[in-house]
Amino acid sequence: MDISPLPPDWSLIQSFLSVAEAGSLSAAARALGRSQPSLGRDIRALESQLGATLFDRHARGLRPSATGARLLPHARRMREEIAAIALTAAGEAQQLAGTVRITASVFVAHYLLPPVLAEIRTAEPAIQIDLMPSDDSENLLFRAADIAVRMYRPTHPDLIARHVGDVPMGIFAARSYLERAGRPQRIEDLRAHAIVGFDRNPLILSSMRAQGWVVDRDFFAIRCDNQATYWELVRAGCGIGFTQAQVGRADPLVEEVELGLTLPALPMWLTAPELMRRTPRIARVWSLLFDGLQAQLGSRPEG
């Protein structure tokens, strides 16, 4: 009698994918919230089931072997199918109750979302909110979150997106800094001031270059990529910096620096998996979140 081999357990395939994409057991363990030894056991178990070596060691960790590389596209398709099953099942839930997971950048989560989420909780007390502040792009298709607030328009065909509005930017400094260092009147005056910039993020540098200022990261007196911490550095008086205008203008510790510049606005989008968007509790939070963020931005409602 011909007995076909049993397919590998999905949990083992998931471990294989995580290690292959992260490049090491330690990085994959951090991503999955698991221990490195347990992931190692999963890889050995899968290799035993398949009768093949899936990884080769190199100086910086692990890379898929020839066999592992051939299996990767199949494993990724398996992940997509399992995610689709989970999304379809979750999308059938019809109760206006339960949990909705929202992800947004650390800055938006810290400075914009709390009053909006308070209003959502008042309107719908049976819905719990999980807020995930992260500057990484969480994968909505794999249920990392139900709704994301993004500063760019997602393009994946299985995601829906709605433009909330454009976030105006401004130049700000702590009143304590300006009283100590003086108030610049022209853009050229910035060369005599301490400027708070980003570390590896090129956004501020590219914006300055677009205004005709060719500078490098050494132009900045202090650098930080975490935008919530960045703003606290400005508030503390470390120098002149850039932030979302409505946040800066609402802060009594800082003052807007008017230099006659028009800074490019940041687009804000809500996005969610199309299947999940039909779930009543997610649809309700989506609507309330959209209205609340538009009120924060002072945007005109869409037709």
C-alpha atoms as a PDB file:
ATOM      1  CA  MET A   1       0.000   0.000   0.000  1.00  0.00           C
ATOM      2  CA  ASP A   2       1.345   3.436  -0.992  1.00  0.00           C
ATOM      3  CA  ILE A   3       1.341   5.798   1.995  1.00  0.00           C
ATOM      4  CA  SER A   4       1.963   9.468   1.168  1.00  0.00           C
ATOM      5  CA  PRO A   5       4.088  11.403   3.674  1.00  0.00           C
ATOM      6  CA  LEU A   6       2.230  13.719   6.022  1.00  0.00           C
ATOM      7  CA  PRO A   7       2.680  17.421   5.233  1.00  0.00           C
ATOM      8  CA  PRO A   8       4.849  19.330   7.720  1.00  0.00           C
ATOM      9  CA  ASP A   9       3.148  21.123  10.605  1.00  0.00           C
ATOM     10  CA  TRP A  10       2.458  24.812   9.845  1.00  0.00           C
ATOM     11  CA  SER A  11       4.237  25.911  13.031  1.00  0.00           C
ATOM     12  CA  LEU A  12       7.448  24.345  11.709  1.00  0.00           C
ATOM     13  CA  ILE A  13       6.999  26.066   8.345  1.00  0.00           C
ATOM     14  CA  GLN A  14       6.418  29.373  10.157  1.00  0.00           C
ATOM     15  CA  SER A  15       9.678  28.919  12.061  1.00  0.00           C
ATOM     16  CA  PHE A  16      11.496  28.121   8.807  1.00  0.00           C
ATOM     17  CA  LEU A  17      10.125  31.281   7.164  1.00  0.00           C
ATOM     18  CA  SER A  18      11.021  33.480  10.116  1.00  0.00           C
ATOM     19  CA  VAL A  19      14.609  32.255  10.253  1.00  0.00           C
ATOM     20  CA  ALA A  20      14.997  32.506   6.464  1.00  0.00           C
ATOM     21  CA  GLU A  21      13.684  36.083   6.396  1.00  0.00           C
ATOM     22  CA  ALA A  22      15.428  37.273   9.578  1.00  0.00           C
ATOM     23  CA  GLY A  23      18.768  35.655   8.750  1.00  0.00           C
ATOM     24  CA  SER A  24      19.441  34.182  12.192  1.00  0.00           C
ATOM     25  CA  LEU A  25      17.782  32.225  14.982  1.00  0.00           C
ATOM     26  CA  SER A  26      18.154  35.104  17.434  1.00  0.00           C
ATOM     27  CA  ALA A  27      16.520  37.687  15.133  1.00  0.00           C
ATOM     28  CA  ALA A  28      13.669  35.305  14.272  1.00  0.00           C
ATOM     29  CA  ALA A  29      13.124  34.522  17.963  1.00  0.00           C
ATOM     30  CA  ARG A  30      12.768  38.239  18.736  1.00  0.00           C
ATOM     31  CA  ALA A  31      10.320  38.725  15.869  1.00  0.00           C
ATOM     32  CA  LEU A  32       8.140  35.795  16.973  1.00  0.00           C
ATOM     33  CA  GLY A  33       8.470  36.381  20.710  1.00  0.00           C
ATOM     34  CA  ARG A  34       9.901  32.892  21.211  1.00  0.00           C
ATOM     35  CA  SER A  35      13.131  31.449  22.532  1.00  0.00           C
ATOM     36  CA  GLN A  36      16.079  30.716  20.284  1.00  0.00           C
ATOM     37  CA  PRO A  37      16.387  27.054  21.449  1.00  0.00           C
ATOM     38  CA  SER A  38      12.725  26.331  20.626  1.00  0.00           C
ATOM     39  CA  LEU A  39      13.159  27.748  17.120  1.00  0.00           C
ATOM     40  CA  GLY A  40      16.286  25.640  16.676  1.00  0.00           C
ATOM     41  CA  ARG A  41      14.290  22.537  17.641  1.00  0.00           C
ATOM     42  CA  ASP A  42      11.612  23.443  15.082  1.00  0.00           C
ATOM     43  CA  ILE A  43      14.212  23.747  12.313  1.00  0.00           C
ATOM     44  CA  ARG A  44      15.796  20.398  13.223  1.00  0.00           C
ATOM     45  CA  ALA A  45      12.362  18.740  13.360  1.00  0.00           C
ATOM     46  CA  LEU A  46      11.426  20.097   9.928  1.00  0.00           C
ATOM     47  CA  GLU A  47      14.764  19.029   8.453  1.00  0.00           C
ATOM     48  CA  SER A  48      14.212  15.553   9.912  1.00  0.00           C
ATOM     49  CA  GLN A  49      10.704  15.324   8.433  1.00  0.00           C
ATOM     50  CA  LEU A  50      11.887  16.477   5.012  1.00  0.00           C
ATOM     51  CA  GLY A  51      15.178  14.615   5.057  1.00  0.00           C
ATOM     52  CA  ALA A  52      17.051  17.727   3.918  1.00  0.00           C
ATOM     53  CA  THR A  53      19.283  20.469   5.277  1.00  0.00           C
ATOM     54  CA  LEU A  54      17.446  23.782   5.070  1.00  0.00           C
ATOM     55  CA  PHE A  55      20.143  26.241   6.188  1.00  0.00           C
ATOM     56  CA  ASP A  56      23.853  26.825   5.746  1.00  0.00           C
ATOM     57  CA  ARG A  57      25.813  28.734   8.368  1.00  0.00           C
ATOM     58  CA  HIS A  58      27.778  31.858   7.439  1.00  0.00           C
ATOM     59  CA  ALA A  59      29.597  34.585   9.337  1.00  0.00           C
ATOM     60  CA  ARG A  60      26.469  36.602  10.153  1.00  0.00           C
ATOM     61  CA  GLY A  61      24.016  33.800  10.845  1.00  0.00           C
ATOM     62  CA  LEU A  62      22.060  31.450   8.616  1.00  0.00           C
ATOM     63  CA  ARG A  63      21.136  31.469   4.944  1.00  0.00           C
ATOM     64  CA  PRO A  64      18.782  29.028   3.193  1.00  0.00           C
ATOM     65  CA  SER A  65      20.514  26.080   1.590  1.00  0.00           C
ATOM     66  CA  ALA A  66      19.788  25.229  -2.044  1.00  0.00           C
ATOM     67  CA  THR A  67      16.874  23.076  -0.865  1.00  0.00           C
ATOM     68  CA  GLY A  68      15.681  25.745   1.552  1.00  0.00           C
ATOM     69  CA  ALA A  69      15.742  28.383  -1.192  1.00  0.00           C
ATOM     70  CA  ARG A  70      13.562  26.177  -3.424  1.00  0.00           C
ATOM     71  CA  LEU A  71      11.086  25.672  -0.569  1.00  0.00           C
ATOM     72  CA  LEU A  72      10.788  29.376   0.322  1.00  0.00           C
ATOM     73  CA  PRO A  73       8.237  30.430  -2.348  1.00  0.00           C
ATOM     74  CA  HIS A  74       6.032  27.438  -1.467  1.00  0.00           C
ATOM     75  CA  ALA A  75       6.250  28.292   2.239  1.00  0.00           C
ATOM     76  CA  ARG A  76       5.332  31.911   1.539  1.00  0.00           C
ATOM     77  CA  ARG A  77       2.297  30.843  -0.482  1.00  0.00           C
ATOM     78  CA  MET A  78       1.292  28.582   2.407  1.00  0.00           C
ATOM     79  CA  ARG A  79       1.553  31.562   4.790  1.00  0.00           C
ATOM     80  CA  GLU A  80      -0.598  33.682   2.488  1.00  0.00           C
ATOM     81  CA  GLU A  81      -3.276  30.984   2.252  1.00  0.00           C
ATOM     82  CA  ILE A  82      -3.393  30.511   6.017  1.00  0.00           C
ATOM     83  CA  ALA A  83      -3.619  34.269   6.499  1.00  0.00           C
ATOM     84  CA  ALA A  84      -6.491  34.403   3.994  1.00  0.00           C
ATOM     85  CA  ILE A  85      -8.322  31.657   5.896  1.00  0.00           C
ATOM     86  CA  ALA A  86      -7.900  33.565   9.168  1.00  0.00           C
ATOM     87  CA  LEU A  87      -9.011  36.849   7.596  1.00  0.00           C
ATOM     88  CA  THR A  88     -12.089  35.276   6.020  1.00  0.00           C
ATOM     89  CA  ALA A  89     -13.112  33.605   9.266  1.00  0.00           C
ATOM     90  CA  ALA A  90     -12.525  36.757  11.309  1.00  0.00           C
ATOM     91  CA  GLY A  91     -14.435  38.827   8.788  1.00  0.00           C
ATOM     92  CA  GLU A  92     -17.560  36.749   9.407  1.00  0.00           C
ATOM     93  CA  ALA A  93     -17.812  37.910  13.047  1.00  0.00           C
ATOM     94  CA  GLN A  94     -20.945  40.083  13.169  1.00  0.00           C
ATOM     95  CA  GLN A  95     -20.974  41.384  16.740  1.00  0.00           C
ATOM     96  CA  LEU A  96     -20.305  45.054  17.438  1.00  0.00           C
ATOM     97  CA  ALA A  97     -18.023  43.982  20.280  1.00  0.00           C
ATOM     98  CA  GLY A  98     -14.580  42.523  20.761  1.00  0.00           C
ATOM     99  CA  THR A  99     -11.054  43.751  20.105  1.00  0.00           C
ATOM    100  CA  VAL A 100      -9.711  45.955  17.311  1.00  0.00           C
ATOM    101  CA  ARG A 101      -5.942  46.265  16.878  1.00  0.00           C
ATOM    102  CA  ILE A 102      -4.664  49.602  15.582  1.00  0.00           C
ATOM    103  CA  THR A 103      -1.082  50.333  14.580  1.00  0.00           C
ATOM    104  CA  ALA A 104       0.410  53.765  13.984  1.00  0.00           C
ATOM    105  CA  SER A 105       3.785  55.453  14.146  1.00  0.00           C
ATOM    106  CA  VAL A 106       5.153  56.132  17.624  1.00  0.00           C
ATOM    107  CA  PHE A 107       4.558  59.880  17.138  1.00  0.00           C
ATOM    108  CA  VAL A 108       0.951  59.535  15.948  1.00  0.00           C
ATOM    109  CA  ALA A 109       0.192  56.980  18.667  1.00  0.00           C
ATOM    110  CA  HIS A 110       1.634  59.276  21.323  1.00  0.00           C
ATOM    111  CA  TYR A 111       0.376  62.723  20.283  1.00  0.00           C
ATOM    112  CA  LEU A 112      -2.701  62.269  18.064  1.00  0.00           C
ATOM    113  CA  LEU A 113      -4.490  59.030  18.851  1.00  0.00           C
ATOM    114  CA  PRO A 114      -5.150  59.113  22.639  1.00  0.00           C
ATOM    115  CA  PRO A 115      -8.047  61.648  22.550  1.00  0.00           C
ATOM    116  CA  VAL A 116      -9.477  59.959  19.447  1.00  0.00           C
ATOM    117  CA  LEU A 117      -9.380  56.541  21.123  1.00  0.00           C
ATOM    118  CA  ALA A 118     -10.986  58.008  24.255  1.00  0.00           C
ATOM    119  CA  GLU A 119     -13.913  59.169  22.108  1.00  0.00           C
ATOM    120  CA  ILE A 120     -14.163  55.747  20.453  1.00  0.00           C
ATOM    121  CA  ARG A 121     -14.281  54.042  23.855  1.00  0.00           C
ATOM    122  CA  THR A 122     -17.013  56.442  24.981  1.00  0.00           C
ATOM    123  CA  ALA A 123     -19.060  55.761  21.862  1.00  0.00           C
ATOM    124  CA  GLU A 124     -18.498  51.978  21.811  1.00  0.00           C
ATOM    125  CA  PRO A 125     -17.624  50.664  25.304  1.00  0.00           C
ATOM    126  CA  ALA A 126     -18.049  47.029  24.183  1.00  0.00           C
ATOM    127  CA  ILE A 127     -15.124  47.379  21.774  1.00  0.00           C
ATOM    128  CA  GLN A 128     -11.626  47.033  23.238  1.00  0.00           C
ATOM    129  CA  ILE A 129      -8.673  48.698  21.505  1.00  0.00           C
ATOM    130  CA  ASP A 130      -5.142  47.312  21.198  1.00  0.00           C
ATOM    131  CA  LEU A 131      -2.806  50.159  20.200  1.00  0.00           C
ATOM    132  CA  MET A 132       0.528  49.165  18.644  1.00  0.00           C
ATOM    133  CA  PRO A 133       2.928  52.131  18.371  1.00  0.00           C
ATOM    134  CA  SER A 134       5.519  51.171  15.781  1.00  0.00           C
ATOM    135  CA  ASP A 135       7.602  52.895  13.122  1.00  0.00           C
ATOM    136  CA  ASP A 136       7.800  49.596  11.219  1.00  0.00           C
ATOM    137  CA  SER A 137       5.217  48.759   8.564  1.00  0.00           C
ATOM    138  CA  GLU A 138       3.169  46.055  10.260  1.00  0.00           C
ATOM    139  CA  ASN A 139       1.792  43.470   7.840  1.00  0.00           C
ATOM    140  CA  LEU A 140      -1.985  43.818   7.956  1.00  0.00           C
ATOM    141  CA  LEU A 141      -2.516  40.779   5.734  1.00  0.00           C
ATOM    142  CA  PHE A 142      -1.020  38.548   8.434  1.00  0.00           C
ATOM    143  CA  ARG A 143      -3.241  40.043  11.161  1.00  0.00           C
ATOM    144  CA  ALA A 144      -0.469  42.044  12.835  1.00  0.00           C
ATOM    145  CA  ALA A 145      -3.199  44.693  13.158  1.00  0.00           C
ATOM    146  CA  ASP A 146      -6.749  45.314  11.937  1.00  0.00           C
ATOM    147  CA  ILE A 147      -6.336  49.006  11.037  1.00  0.00           C
ATOM    148  CA  ALA A 148      -3.195  51.001  10.337  1.00  0.00           C
ATOM    149  CA  VAL A 149      -2.645  54.753  10.303  1.00  0.00           C
ATOM    150  CA  ARG A 150      -0.039  55.353   7.615  1.00  0.00           C
ATOM    151  CA  MET A 151       1.797  58.405   6.296  1.00  0.00           C
ATOM    152  CA  TYR A 152       1.766  56.923   2.795  1.00  0.00           C
ATOM    153  CA  ARG A 153      -0.801  55.234   0.580  1.00  0.00           C
ATOM    154  CA  PRO A 154      -0.588  51.429   0.692  1.00  0.00           C
ATOM    155  CA  THR A 155      -0.652  49.785  -2.728  1.00  0.00           C
ATOM    156  CA  HIS A 156      -1.337  46.096  -1.991  1.00  0.00           C
ATOM    157  CA  PRO A 157      -4.488  45.016  -3.882  1.00  0.00           C
ATOM    158  CA  ASP A 158      -5.950  43.222  -0.833  1.00  0.00           C
ATOM    159  CA  LEU A 159      -5.831  46.384   1.289  1.00  0.00           C
ATOM    160  CA  ILE A 160      -8.288  49.245   1.212  1.00  0.00           C
ATOM    161  CA  ALA A 161      -7.188  52.764   2.093  1.00  0.00           C
ATOM    162  CA  ARG A 162      -8.880  56.092   2.732  1.00  0.00           C
ATOM    163  CA  HIS A 163      -7.149  59.454   2.714  1.00  0.00           C
ATOM    164  CA  VAL A 164      -7.733  61.201   6.045  1.00  0.00           C
ATOM    165  CA  GLY A 165      -6.032  64.428   5.077  1.00  0.00           C
ATOM    166  CA  ASP A 166      -2.659  66.106   4.715  1.00  0.00           C
ATOM    167  CA  VAL A 167      -0.716  66.886   7.863  1.00  0.00           C
ATOM    168  CA  PRO A 168       0.888  70.359   7.747  1.00  0.00           C
ATOM    169  CA  MET A 169       4.430  70.631   9.085  1.00  0.00           C
ATOM    170  CA  GLY A 170       6.086  73.504  10.899  1.00  0.00           C
ATOM    171  CA  ILE A 171       9.362  74.691  12.409  1.00  0.00           C
ATOM    172  CA  PHE A 172       9.405  74.966  16.194  1.00  0.00           C
ATOM    173  CA  ALA A 173      11.708  75.572  19.134  1.00  0.00           C
ATOM    174  CA  ALA A 174      11.310  75.709  22.883  1.00  0.00           C
ATOM    175  CA  ARG A 175      10.704  79.207  24.210  1.00  0.00           C
ATOM    176  CA  SER A 176      13.608  78.582  26.578  1.00  0.00           C
ATOM    177  CA  TYR A 177      15.916  77.920  23.610  1.00  0.00           C
ATOM    178  CA  LEU A 178      14.776  81.015  21.668  1.00  0.00           C
ATOM    179  CA  GLU A 179      15.181  83.255  24.683  1.00  0.00           C
ATOM    180  CA  ARG A 180      18.726  81.932  25.071  1.00  0.00           C
ATOM    181  CA  ALA A 181      19.827  81.756  21.410  1.00  0.00           C
ATOM    182  CA  GLY A 182      17.631  84.391  19.770  1.00  0.00           C
ATOM    183  CA  ARG A 183      14.829  84.090  17.228  1.00  0.00           C
ATOM    184  CA  PRO A 184      15.861  83.498  13.598  1.00  0.00           C
ATOM    185  CA  GLN A 185      14.184  85.776  11.064  1.00  0.00           C
ATOM    186  CA  ARG A 186      15.400  84.221   7.804  1.00  0.00           C
ATOM    187  CA  ILE A 187      16.321  80.720   6.712  1.00  0.00           C
ATOM    188  CA  GLU A 188      19.982  81.786   6.534  1.00  0.00           C
ATOM    189  CA  ASP A 189      19.854  82.502  10.278  1.00  0.00           C
ATOM    190  CA  LEU A 190      19.479  78.780  10.959  1.00  0.00           C
ATOM    191  CA  ARG A 191      23.200  78.311  10.341  1.00  0.00           C
ATOM    192  CA  ALA A 192      23.850  80.092  13.634  1.00  0.00           C
ATOM    193  CA  HIS A 193      21.451  77.835  15.544  1.00  0.00           C
ATOM    194  CA  ALA A 194      21.393  74.302  16.919  1.00  0.00           C
ATOM    195  CA  ILE A 195      19.162  72.150  14.706  1.00  0.00           C
ATOM    196  CA  VAL A 196      17.596  68.895  15.862  1.00  0.00           C
ATOM    197  CA  GLY A 197      17.664  66.357  13.015  1.00  0.00           C
ATOM    198  CA  PHE A 198      17.187  62.708  12.219  1.00  0.00           C
ATOM    199  CA  ASP A 199      19.942  60.132  12.459  1.00  0.00           C
ATOM    200  CA  ARG A 200      19.496  57.636   9.590  1.00  0.00           C
ATOM    201  CA  ASN A 201      16.131  58.871   8.304  1.00  0.00           C
ATOM    202  CA  PRO A 202      16.877  61.168   5.285  1.00  0.00           C
ATOM    203  CA  LEU A 203      13.539  63.053   5.348  1.00  0.00           C
ATOM    204  CA  ILE A 204      14.729  66.320   6.913  1.00  0.00           C
ATOM    205  CA  LEU A 205      17.930  66.422   4.859  1.00  0.00           C
ATOM    206  CA  SER A 206      16.068  65.818   1.588  1.00  0.00           C
ATOM    207  CA  SER A 207      13.473  68.487   2.469  1.00  0.00           C
ATOM    208  CA  MET A 208      16.217  70.999   3.231  1.00  0.00           C
ATOM    209  CA  ARG A 209      17.993  70.198  -0.010  1.00  0.00           C
ATOM    210  CA  ALA A 210      14.733  70.746  -1.880  1.00  0.00           C
ATOM    211  CA  GLN A 211      14.737  74.256  -0.405  1.00  0.00           C
ATOM    212  CA  GLY A 212      18.250  74.826  -1.788  1.00  0.00           C
ATOM    213  CA  TRP A 213      20.176  73.990   1.371  1.00  0.00           C
ATOM    214  CA  VAL A 214      22.873  71.406   0.642  1.00  0.00           C
ATOM    215  CA  VAL A 215      23.772  70.099   4.109  1.00  0.00           C
ATOM    216  CA  ASP A 216      24.662  66.735   5.603  1.00  0.00           C
ATOM    217  CA  ARG A 217      23.874  65.091   8.930  1.00  0.00           C
ATOM    218  CA  ASP A 218      26.781  66.929  10.612  1.00  0.00           C
ATOM    219  CA  PHE A 219      24.668  70.082  10.265  1.00  0.00           C
ATOM    220  CA  PHE A 220      22.464  68.766  13.096  1.00  0.00           C
ATOM    221  CA  ALA A 221      23.512  69.435  16.685  1.00  0.00           C
ATOM    222  CA  ILE A 222      21.593  66.405  17.937  1.00  0.00           C
ATOM    223  CA  ARG A 223      20.039  63.516  15.987  1.00  0.00           C
ATOM    224  CA  CYS A 224      17.289  60.998  16.744  1.00  0.00           C
ATOM    225  CA  ASP A 225      15.066  58.879  14.469  1.00  0.00           C
ATOM    226  CA  ASN A 226      12.361  58.129  17.057  1.00  0.00           C
ATOM    227  CA  GLN A 227       9.992  60.999  16.363  1.00  0.00           C
ATOM    228  CA  ALA A 228       8.344  61.075  19.794  1.00  0.00           C
ATOM    229  CA  THR A 229      11.771  61.337  21.443  1.00  0.00           C
ATOM    230  CA  TYR A 230      12.802  63.834  18.737  1.00  0.00           C
ATOM    231  CA  TRP A 231       9.948  66.118  19.716  1.00  0.00           C
ATOM    232  CA  GLU A 232      10.826  65.859  23.403  1.00  0.00           C
ATOM    233  CA  LEU A 233      14.367  66.976  22.534  1.00  0.00           C
ATOM    234  CA  VAL A 234      12.928  70.071  20.835  1.00  0.00           C
ATOM    235  CA  ARG A 235      10.594  70.753  23.780  1.00  0.00           C
ATOM    236  CA  ALA A 236      13.532  70.458  26.186  1.00  0.00           C
ATOM    237  CA  GLY A 237      15.445  73.218  24.388  1.00  0.00           C
ATOM    238  CA  CYS A 238      18.015  71.199  22.451  1.00  0.00           C
ATOM    239  CA  GLY A 239      17.471  73.300  19.336  1.00  0.00           C
ATOM    240  CA  ILE A 240      15.132  74.131  16.463  1.00  0.00           C
ATOM    241  CA  GLY A 241      13.218  71.219  14.954  1.00  0.00           C
ATOM    242  CA  PHE A 242      10.357  70.180  12.692  1.00  0.00           C
ATOM    243  CA  THR A 243       7.066  68.541  13.574  1.00  0.00           C
ATOM    244  CA  GLN A 244       3.391  68.278  12.743  1.00  0.00           C
ATOM    245  CA  ALA A 245       1.998  71.781  12.992  1.00  0.00           C
ATOM    246  CA  GLN A 246      -1.080  70.972  15.068  1.00  0.00           C
ATOM    247  CA  VAL A 247       1.071  69.252  17.704  1.00  0.00           C
ATOM    248  CA  GLY A 248       3.584  72.099  17.894  1.00  0.00           C
ATOM    249  CA  ARG A 249       0.967  74.853  17.980  1.00  0.00           C
ATOM    250  CA  ALA A 250      -0.854  73.156  20.868  1.00  0.00           C
ATOM    251  CA  ASP A 251       2.279  72.955  23.028  1.00  0.00           C
ATOM    252  CA  PRO A 252       2.764  75.901  25.425  1.00  0.00           C
ATOM    253  CA  LEU A 253       6.480  75.116  25.858  1.00  0.00           C
ATOM    254  CA  VAL A 254       7.338  75.818  22.223  1.00  0.00           C
ATOM    255  CA  GLU A 255       6.984  78.610  19.704  1.00  0.00           C
ATOM    256  CA  GLU A 256       6.592  78.375  15.939  1.00  0.00           C
ATOM    257  CA  VAL A 257       9.540  79.771  14.003  1.00  0.00           C
ATOM    258  CA  GLU A 258       8.249  81.710  11.008  1.00  0.00           C
ATOM    259  CA  LEU A 259      10.814  81.793   8.192  1.00  0.00           C
ATOM    260  CA  GLY A 260       8.537  82.122   5.169  1.00  0.00           C
ATOM    261  CA  LEU A 261       9.049  78.457   4.211  1.00  0.00           C
ATOM    262  CA  THR A 262       6.337  76.141   2.955  1.00  0.00           C
ATOM    263  CA  LEU A 263       7.184  72.674   4.215  1.00  0.00           C
ATOM    264  CA  PRO A 264       5.730  69.651   2.372  1.00  0.00           C
ATOM    265  CA  ALA A 265       2.710  68.170   4.146  1.00  0.00           C
ATOM    266  CA  LEU A 266       2.495  64.500   5.105  1.00  0.00           C
ATOM    267  CA  PRO A 267      -0.457  62.497   3.739  1.00  0.00           C
ATOM    268  CA  MET A 268      -2.349  60.453   6.328  1.00  0.00           C
ATOM    269  CA  TRP A 269      -4.182  57.268   5.319  1.00  0.00           C
ATOM    270  CA  LEU A 270      -6.297  54.678   7.088  1.00  0.00           C
ATOM    271  CA  THR A 271      -5.805  51.177   5.747  1.00  0.00           C
ATOM    272  CA  ALA A 272      -7.152  47.714   6.509  1.00  0.00           C
ATOM    273  CA  PRO A 273      -7.508  44.302   4.852  1.00  0.00           C
ATOM    274  CA  GLU A 274     -10.548  44.366   2.579  1.00  0.00           C
ATOM    275  CA  LEU A 275     -12.021  41.231   4.153  1.00  0.00           C
ATOM    276  CA  MET A 276     -11.685  42.568   7.702  1.00  0.00           C
ATOM    277  CA  ARG A 277     -13.073  45.984   6.809  1.00  0.00           C
ATOM    278  CA  ARG A 278     -16.539  44.413   6.507  1.00  0.00           C
ATOM    279  CA  THR A 279     -16.471  43.178  10.128  1.00  0.00           C
ATOM    280  CA  PRO A 280     -18.921  45.408  12.041  1.00  0.00           C
ATOM    281  CA  ARG A 281     -16.657  46.287  14.978  1.00  0.00           C
ATOM    282  CA  ILE A 282     -13.745  47.115  12.633  1.00  0.00           C
ATOM    283  CA  ALA A 283     -15.983  49.100  10.303  1.00  0.00           C
ATOM    284  CA  ARG A 284     -17.300  51.066  13.280  1.00  0.00           C
ATOM    285  CA  VAL A 285     -13.823  51.828  14.659  1.00  0.00           C
ATOM    286  CA  TRP A 286     -12.648  52.711  11.141  1.00  0.00           C
ATOM    287  CA  SER A 287     -15.431  55.300  10.827  1.00  0.00           C
ATOM    288  CA  LEU A 288     -14.862  56.806  14.276  1.00  0.00           C
ATOM    289  CA  LEU A 289     -11.097  56.823  13.791  1.00  0.00           C
ATOM    290  CA  PHE A 290     -11.438  58.579  10.440  1.00  0.00           C
ATOM    291  CA  ASP A 291     -13.732  61.273  11.881  1.00  0.00           C
ATOM    292  CA  GLY A 292     -11.549  61.767  14.954  1.00  0.00           C
ATOM    293  CA  LEU A 293      -8.324  62.137  12.988  1.00  0.00           C
ATOM    294  CA  GLN A 294      -9.945  64.526  10.536  1.00  0.00           C
ATOM    295  CA  ALA A 295     -11.036  66.663  13.478  1.00  0.00           C
ATOM    296  CA  GLN A 296      -7.455  66.598  14.774  1.00  0.00           C
ATOM    297  CA  LEU A 297      -6.139  67.762  11.408  1.00  0.00           C
ATOM    298  CA  GLY A 298      -8.927  70.261  10.812  1.00  0.00           C
ATOM    299  CA  SER A 299      -9.592  68.499   7.495  1.00  0.00           C
ATOM    300  CA  ARG A 300     -12.717  68.987   5.416  1.00  0.00           C
ATOM    301  CA  PRO A 301     -14.824  65.769   5.381  1.00  0.00           C
ATOM    302  CA  GLU A 302     -14.694  63.794   2.144  1.00  0.00           C
ATOM    303  CA  GLY A 303     -17.739  63.506  -0.029  1.00  0.00           C
END
